[in-house]
Protein backbone atom coordinates (compact mmCIF):
# COMPACT_ATOMS: atom_id res chain seq x y z
CA MET A 1 36.51 -4.19 -7.14
CA THR A 2 32.86 -6.02 -7.82
CA LEU A 3 30.16 -3.76 -9.47
CA PHE A 4 27.46 -3.80 -6.85
CA PRO A 5 24.55 -6.26 -9.25
CA GLU A 6 21.61 -5.09 -10.94
CA ILE A 7 18.76 -7.51 -10.42
CA LYS A 8 15.50 -7.11 -12.66
CA SER A 9 12.51 -8.31 -12.29
CA ARG A 10 9.18 -7.82 -14.96
CA ARG A 11 8.44 -4.24 -13.69
CA LEU A 12 11.02 -3.24 -11.34
CA LEU A 13 15.22 -2.87 -11.28
CA LEU A 14 16.89 -3.14 -8.13
CA ARG A 15 19.84 -1.08 -8.59
CA ASN A 16 22.52 0.85 -6.42
CA PHE A 17 21.91 3.86 -4.81
CA VAL A 18 22.89 7.01 -7.02
CA SER A 19 23.38 10.67 -5.62
CA THR A 20 20.51 11.54 -7.62
CA ASP A 21 18.65 10.04 -4.94
CA ILE A 22 19.18 11.97 -2.61
CA ASN A 23 16.24 14.50 -2.61
CA SER A 24 13.85 11.23 -3.27
CA VAL A 25 15.23 10.15 -0.19
CA PHE A 26 15.41 13.46 1.95
CA THR A 27 11.87 13.61 0.98
CA ILE A 28 10.49 10.22 2.15
CA ILE A 29 12.99 10.30 5.82
CA SER A 30 11.55 14.39 6.80
CA LYS A 31 7.95 13.09 6.15
CA GLY A 32 9.03 10.64 9.06
CA LEU A 33 8.56 7.15 6.86
CA ILE A 34 11.59 5.39 6.60
CA THR A 35 14.44 5.38 8.90
CA GLU A 36 16.06 2.62 7.53
CA LEU A 37 18.91 3.64 5.57
CA HIS A 38 20.55 4.79 8.82
CA ASP A 39 20.95 4.16 12.10
CA SER A 40 19.98 6.13 15.67
CA THR A 41 21.09 9.52 14.24
CA THR A 42 18.49 11.53 13.25
CA ILE A 43 18.37 13.47 9.81
CA SER A 44 17.79 16.35 9.50
CA ASN A 45 19.13 18.31 5.75
CA VAL A 46 20.25 17.15 2.26
CA ALA A 47 23.37 16.90 3.46
CA GLN A 48 23.09 14.30 5.73
CA VAL A 49 21.10 12.44 3.33
CA GLU A 50 24.31 12.76 0.67
CA ALA A 51 26.69 11.30 3.26
CA MET A 52 24.41 8.28 4.31
CA LEU A 53 24.50 7.89 0.36
CA LYS A 54 27.76 8.01 0.19
CA LYS A 55 28.36 5.39 2.59
CA ARG A 56 25.19 3.06 1.55
CA ILE A 57 27.20 3.58 -2.18
CA PHE A 58 30.42 2.76 -0.95
CA ARG A 59 29.39 -0.20 1.26
CA ASN A 60 27.56 -1.92 -1.40
CA ASN A 61 30.92 -1.90 -3.83
CA GLN A 62 32.98 -2.58 -0.96
CA GLU A 63 31.27 -4.76 1.22
CA LEU A 64 29.12 -7.47 -0.69
CA ASP A 65 29.92 -10.49 1.58
CA TYR A 66 28.69 -8.39 4.62
CA SER A 67 25.51 -6.19 3.78
CA GLY A 68 24.09 -4.87 0.25
CA LYS A 69 20.93 -2.83 -0.23
CA TRP A 70 19.25 -1.81 -3.51
CA ALA A 71 17.05 0.99 -4.72
CA ILE A 72 13.98 0.09 -5.90
CA VAL A 73 12.87 1.38 -8.55
CA PRO A 74 9.98 0.76 -11.68
CA GLU A 75 11.68 -0.43 -14.65
CA SER A 76 10.30 2.31 -16.68
CA ASP A 77 11.40 5.03 -14.84
CA PRO A 78 14.59 3.81 -12.61
CA THR A 79 15.44 7.48 -11.19
CA GLN A 80 11.65 7.13 -9.24
CA LEU A 81 13.01 5.79 -6.34
CA ILE A 82 9.41 3.37 -4.74
CA GLY A 83 11.45 1.53 -1.89
CA SER A 84 14.28 -0.29 -0.84
CA CYS A 85 15.89 -3.81 0.00
CA GLY A 86 18.65 -5.83 1.51
CA TYR A 87 20.95 -8.19 3.40
CA HIS A 88 22.88 -8.08 6.20
CA ASN A 89 23.94 -10.03 9.54
CA SER A 90 25.84 -12.21 6.67
CA ASN A 91 27.82 -14.81 7.96
CA ARG A 92 29.50 -16.63 5.40
CA ASN A 93 30.76 -19.72 8.11
CA CYS A 94 26.68 -20.90 8.71
CA CYS A 95 25.96 -19.74 5.02
CA SER A 96 23.18 -17.40 6.29
CA VAL A 97 21.86 -13.49 5.39
CA GLU A 98 19.30 -11.61 6.71
CA ILE A 99 17.06 -9.56 4.95
CA CYS A 100 15.29 -6.23 4.69
CA TYR A 101 12.82 -4.94 2.92
CA ARG A 102 10.93 -1.15 2.66
CA LEU A 103 7.66 0.32 0.07
CA TYR A 104 6.84 3.31 0.54
CA PRO A 105 3.33 4.17 1.70
CA GLU A 106 2.31 5.07 -1.68
CA TYR A 107 3.26 2.06 -3.81
CA ARG A 108 2.06 -0.22 -1.20
CA ASN A 109 -0.57 -2.96 -2.23
CA LYS A 110 0.58 -3.50 -5.46
CA GLY A 111 2.57 -6.34 -5.19
CA TYR A 112 6.01 -4.61 -5.82
CA ALA A 113 7.20 -6.45 -2.22
CA TYR A 114 6.71 -9.33 -3.37
CA GLU A 115 8.01 -8.39 -6.96
CA ALA A 116 11.05 -7.03 -5.85
CA VAL A 117 11.53 -9.62 -2.22
CA SER A 118 11.08 -12.89 -4.96
CA SER A 119 14.05 -11.38 -7.34
CA MET A 120 16.63 -10.40 -4.27
CA ILE A 121 15.77 -13.96 -3.32
CA ASN A 122 16.02 -15.51 -6.61
CA TYR A 123 19.70 -13.59 -7.10
CA CYS A 124 20.86 -14.55 -3.78
CA PHE A 125 20.23 -18.68 -4.41
CA THR A 126 20.56 -18.73 -7.95
CA TYR A 127 23.23 -16.03 -8.85
CA ASN A 128 26.66 -15.62 -8.10
CA PHE A 129 25.90 -14.39 -4.22
CA PRO A 130 29.49 -13.34 -2.60
CA PHE A 131 29.40 -16.38 -1.37
CA TYR A 132 27.42 -20.00 -0.55
CA LEU A 133 23.96 -19.48 0.66
CA ASN A 134 21.77 -22.45 2.74
CA ARG A 135 19.54 -20.21 4.58
CA ILE A 136 17.74 -16.36 4.55
CA SER A 137 15.96 -14.73 7.75
CA ALA A 138 13.80 -12.08 7.78
CA ILE A 139 12.19 -10.43 11.55
CA THR A 140 9.14 -8.31 11.75
CA ASP A 141 7.31 -6.92 14.23
CA THR A 142 4.67 -9.50 15.37
CA ASP A 143 2.20 -7.59 14.26
CA SER A 144 2.60 -7.01 10.54
CA SER A 145 0.46 -8.97 8.94
CA ARG A 146 1.74 -7.08 6.17
CA SER A 147 5.21 -8.25 5.98
CA ILE A 148 4.20 -11.56 7.98
CA SER A 149 1.96 -12.31 4.64
CA LEU A 150 4.52 -11.60 1.87
CA LEU A 151 7.10 -13.69 3.88
CA LYS A 152 4.89 -16.52 3.47
CA LYS A 153 3.66 -16.16 0.54
CA VAL A 154 7.69 -16.78 -0.88
CA GLY A 155 8.20 -19.66 1.09
CA PHE A 156 9.44 -18.17 4.17
CA TRP A 157 8.30 -20.46 7.67
CA GLU A 158 7.81 -19.07 10.79
CA GLU A 159 10.33 -20.67 13.36
CA GLY A 160 9.25 -18.14 16.68
CA ILE A 161 8.98 -14.76 18.30
CA LEU A 162 11.96 -12.96 19.51
CA SER A 163 11.59 -12.01 22.77
CA GLN A 164 12.36 -8.87 24.25
CA ASN A 165 15.43 -8.41 21.12
CA ASP A 166 16.53 -5.12 20.78
CA SER A 167 16.45 -3.56 16.80
CA GLY A 168 19.62 -1.89 17.10
CA ILE A 169 17.98 1.69 17.94
CA ASN A 170 17.53 0.92 21.29
CA ASN A 171 14.00 -0.53 20.60
CA ILE A 172 13.79 -3.34 22.67
CA HIS A 173 10.54 -5.42 21.73
CA ASN A 174 9.29 -8.56 20.53
CA TYR A 175 9.70 -9.94 15.88
CA ARG A 176 8.35 -12.86 14.40
CA TRP A 177 11.88 -14.39 12.95
CA PHE A 178 11.56 -16.40 9.55
CA SER A 179 13.88 -18.34 7.55
CA LEU A 180 13.72 -19.78 4.04
CA LEU A 181 15.96 -22.36 2.99
CA ARG A 182 17.99 -23.02 0.08
CA SER A 183 16.62 -26.52 -0.70
CA ALA A 184 12.92 -25.44 -0.03
CA TYR A 185 13.61 -22.07 -2.19
CA LEU A 186 14.50 -24.28 -5.14
CA SER A 187 12.27 -27.09 -5.29
CA LYS A 188 9.19 -24.86 -5.86
CA LYS A 189 8.01 -23.61 -9.51
CA ALA A 190 9.49 -20.67 -10.64
CA ASP A 191 7.76 -17.67 -9.91
CA PRO A 192 5.89 -15.61 -12.47
CA PHE A 193 7.81 -12.23 -11.62
CA LEU A 194 10.92 -13.14 -12.74
CA ILE A 195 13.06 -13.12 -15.60
């Protein structure tokens, strides 16, 4: 079994979820702020969050070829969950993955998303990812200006609109599709947030 990797940046640690994250995740879900850690299932109690986190931790440790999701925490306080980021929809034959990321509202507009996504991409393209990656994709709502700006800032380019796409929770609408190729990433200068 391969241990789920930790990724460090200047201010952040991207780590596996742990059982002590249950209360933080439940608080955030109960406020209706996130749904990305679970599918269309409604989470209404701590036991459901505990089951969800156990499943995520198992997947992180057993299914690195397909998906992985990091807890984003400040390096100065690795118990303080401030968001999550990860990859899914892996395709070994096409050497590609799709990334996702989310910061909780009180941690936005502080450069944390840029730092976390930059660090995750650096890991994907330059370290021991489970397979050779040539392409990283991301989708975002068509009107999500912060996410669009972030993706462009880390080097993604917009490929087009996914029209009437189902996000997996019976929610059909349009998304913007972005991609970043290994060659484009490696030709850029090193990012100051990376260690």
